C-alpha atoms as a PDB file:
ATOM      1  CA  MET A   1      11.341   8.708  12.443  1.00  0.00           C
ATOM      2  CA  PRO A   2       8.573   9.862  15.043  1.00  0.00           C
ATOM      3  CA  SER A   3       9.349  10.012  18.591  1.00  0.00           C
ATOM      4  CA  GLY A   4       7.809   8.102  21.696  1.00  0.00           C
ATOM      5  CA  ILE A   5       4.923   5.480  20.972  1.00  0.00           C
ATOM      6  CA  GLU A   6       4.569   6.599  17.287  1.00  0.00           C
ATOM      7  CA  GLY A   7       8.351   5.908  16.825  1.00  0.00           C
ATOM      8  CA  MET A   8       7.897   2.308  18.291  1.00  0.00           C
ATOM      9  CA  VAL A   9       4.923   1.512  16.400  1.00  0.00           C
ATOM     10  CA  ALA A  10       6.399   2.716  13.172  1.00  0.00           C
ATOM     11  CA  ALA A  11       9.529   0.703  13.868  1.00  0.00           C
ATOM     12  CA  TYR A  12       7.624  -2.524  14.581  1.00  0.00           C
ATOM     13  CA  GLU A  13       5.570  -2.239  11.512  1.00  0.00           C
ATOM     14  CA  HIS A  14       8.417  -1.441   9.253  1.00  0.00           C
ATOM     15  CA  ALA A  15      10.257  -4.574  10.858  1.00  0.00           C
ATOM     16  CA  GLY A  16       7.516  -6.693   9.326  1.00  0.00           C
ATOM     17  CA  PRO A  17       5.334  -9.689  10.795  1.00  0.00           C
ATOM     18  CA  ILE A  18       7.800 -12.493  10.264  1.00  0.00           C
ATOM     19  CA  TRP A  19      10.521 -10.445  12.630  1.00  0.00           C
ATOM     20  CA  ALA A  20       7.810  -9.822  14.705  1.00  0.00           C
ATOM     21  CA  SER A  21       7.153 -13.357  15.299  1.00  0.00           C
ATOM     22  CA  MET A  22      10.808 -14.464  15.499  1.00  0.00           C
ATOM     23  CA  ALA A  23      11.086 -11.765  18.248  1.00  0.00           C
ATOM     24  CA  LEU A  24       8.163 -12.778  20.338  1.00  0.00           C
ATOM     25  CA  THR A  25       9.600 -16.377  20.088  1.00  0.00           C
ATOM     26  CA  ALA A  26      12.870 -15.278  21.241  1.00  0.00           C
ATOM     27  CA  LEU A  27      11.193 -13.417  23.971  1.00  0.00           C
ATOM     28  CA  LYS A  28       9.217 -16.640  24.943  1.00  0.00           C
ATOM     29  CA  ASN A  29      12.283 -18.801  24.875  1.00  0.00           C
ATOM     30  CA  PHE A  30      14.068 -16.413  27.085  1.00  0.00           C
ATOM     31  CA  ILE A  31      11.618 -16.408  29.508  1.00  0.00           C
ATOM     32  CA  GLU A  32      11.918 -20.261  29.575  1.00  0.00           C
ATOM     33  CA  ALA A  33      15.327 -20.453  29.769  1.00  0.00           C
ATOM     34  CA  HIS A  34      15.619 -17.963  32.873  1.00  0.00           C
ATOM     35  CA  PRO A  35      12.297 -19.063  35.011  1.00  0.00           C
ATOM     36  CA  LYS A  36      11.114 -16.636  37.474  1.00  0.00           C
ATOM     37  CA  GLN A  37      13.766 -13.979  36.722  1.00  0.00           C
ATOM     38  CA  GLU A  38      13.181 -10.458  36.126  1.00  0.00           C
ATOM     39  CA  PHE A  39      14.638  -8.736  33.295  1.00  0.00           C
ATOM     40  CA  VAL A  40      15.237  -5.317  31.339  1.00  0.00           C
ATOM     41  CA  ALA A  41      14.805  -5.249  27.584  1.00  0.00           C
ATOM     42  CA  PRO A  42      18.678  -5.086  26.570  1.00  0.00           C
ATOM     43  CA  VAL A  43      19.293  -8.238  28.409  1.00  0.00           C
ATOM     44  CA  VAL A  44      16.584 -10.091  26.237  1.00  0.00           C
ATOM     45  CA  ILE A  45      17.518  -8.243  22.838  1.00  0.00           C
ATOM     46  CA  SER A  46      21.104  -9.319  23.278  1.00  0.00           C
ATOM     47  CA  TRP A  47      20.190 -12.859  24.357  1.00  0.00           C
ATOM     48  CA  ALA A  48      17.776 -13.148  21.394  1.00  0.00           C
ATOM     49  CA  GLU A  49      20.421 -11.787  19.062  1.00  0.00           C
ATOM     50  CA  GLN A  50      23.007 -14.330  20.436  1.00  0.00           C
ATOM     51  CA  HIS A  51      20.420 -17.060  19.398  1.00  0.00           C
ATOM     52  CA  GLY A  52      19.677 -16.031  16.077  1.00  0.00           C
ATOM     53  CA  THR A  53      17.093 -13.318  16.207  1.00  0.00           C
ATOM     54  CA  PRO A  54      17.962 -11.052  13.340  1.00  0.00           C
ATOM     55  CA  GLU A  55      18.383  -7.306  14.314  1.00  0.00           C
ATOM     56  CA  PRO A  56      15.420  -5.235  13.225  1.00  0.00           C
ATOM     57  CA  PRO A  57      15.847  -2.331  10.746  1.00  0.00           C
ATOM     58  CA  HIS A  58      15.437  -0.116  13.998  1.00  0.00           C
ATOM     59  CA  LYS A  59      15.762  -1.296  17.740  1.00  0.00           C
ATOM     60  CA  ARG A  60      12.575   0.717  18.605  1.00  0.00           C
ATOM     61  CA  ALA A  61      10.816  -2.471  16.842  1.00  0.00           C
ATOM     62  CA  TRP A  62      11.626  -4.371  20.148  1.00  0.00           C
ATOM     63  CA  GLY A  63       9.387  -1.788  22.063  1.00  0.00           C
ATOM     64  CA  GLY A  64       6.427  -3.301  20.043  1.00  0.00           C
ATOM     65  CA  VAL A  65       7.304  -6.837  20.646  1.00  0.00           C
ATOM     66  CA  PHE A  66       7.421  -5.782  24.628  1.00  0.00           C
ATOM     67  CA  ALA A  67       4.197  -3.939  24.429  1.00  0.00           C
ATOM     68  CA  GLY A  68       2.292  -6.766  22.507  1.00  0.00           C
ATOM     69  CA  ALA A  69       3.532  -9.265  25.113  1.00  0.00           C
ATOM     70  CA  SER A  70       2.550  -7.406  28.036  1.00  0.00           C
ATOM     71  CA  ARG A  71      -0.841  -6.569  26.626  1.00  0.00           C
ATOM     72  CA  ASN A  72      -1.378 -10.346  25.865  1.00  0.00           C
ATOM     73  CA  GLY A  73      -0.314 -11.429  28.922  1.00  0.00           C
ATOM     74  CA  VAL A  74       3.214 -13.039  28.243  1.00  0.00           C
ATOM     75  CA  ILE A  75       5.152 -10.595  30.442  1.00  0.00           C
ATOM     76  CA  ARG A  76       4.323  -7.944  33.309  1.00  0.00           C
ATOM     77  CA  HIS A  77       5.808  -4.721  34.289  1.00  0.00           C
ATOM     78  CA  VAL A  78       7.245  -5.299  37.740  1.00  0.00           C
ATOM     79  CA  GLY A  79       9.340  -2.087  38.008  1.00  0.00           C
ATOM     80  CA  HIS A  80      11.677   0.323  37.165  1.00  0.00           C
ATOM     81  CA  THR A  81      15.485   0.262  37.231  1.00  0.00           C
ATOM     82  CA  VAL A  82      18.637   2.329  36.262  1.00  0.00           C
ATOM     83  CA  TYR A  83      20.423   0.280  33.706  1.00  0.00           C
ATOM     84  CA  SER A  84      23.833   0.609  32.094  1.00  0.00           C
ATOM     85  CA  ASP A  85      25.802  -1.162  29.553  1.00  0.00           C
ATOM     86  CA  ASP A  86      28.058  -0.365  26.565  1.00  0.00           C
ATOM     87  CA  THR A  87      25.339   1.226  24.394  1.00  0.00           C
ATOM     88  CA  HIS A  88      23.016   2.508  27.228  1.00  0.00           C
ATOM     89  CA  PRO A  89      24.527   4.747  29.677  1.00  0.00           C
ATOM     90  CA  TYR A  90      22.351   4.985  33.079  1.00  0.00           C
ATOM     91  CA  LEU A  91      18.939   5.068  31.742  1.00  0.00           C
ATOM     92  CA  SER A  92      15.626   4.261  33.453  1.00  0.00           C
ATOM     93  CA  MET A  93      14.175   0.927  32.127  1.00  0.00           C
ATOM     94  CA  ARG A  94      11.149  -1.123  32.889  1.00  0.00           C
ATOM     95  CA  VAL A  95      11.692  -4.398  34.724  1.00  0.00           C
ATOM     96  CA  TRP A  96       9.583  -7.340  33.471  1.00  0.00           C
ATOM     97  CA  SER A  97       8.671 -10.742  34.576  1.00  0.00           C
ATOM     98  CA  ALA A  98       6.680 -13.554  33.153  1.00  0.00           C
ATOM     99  CA  ALA A  99       3.119 -12.978  33.641  1.00  0.00           C
END
């Protein structure tokens, strides 16, 4: 799989429009359930999966969801943080909020 932006786009396109629609709806539902809360992608992804959004063929597909939501005024980038959990060991991540 290509790296960077190309990899994200390829993963997003491979996941297909039905998954993309479900993922965007999950992101919007997360925002509605957590008003005025800043968030990082892994928290939203985990929440979405717990609420029935299927996993895409590759996790990079979520990058396309966040990029599109940012371009379309659903979310906005508000900063960066260092994030760590069982699958993400101390990574610099974007922090988002509802637009």
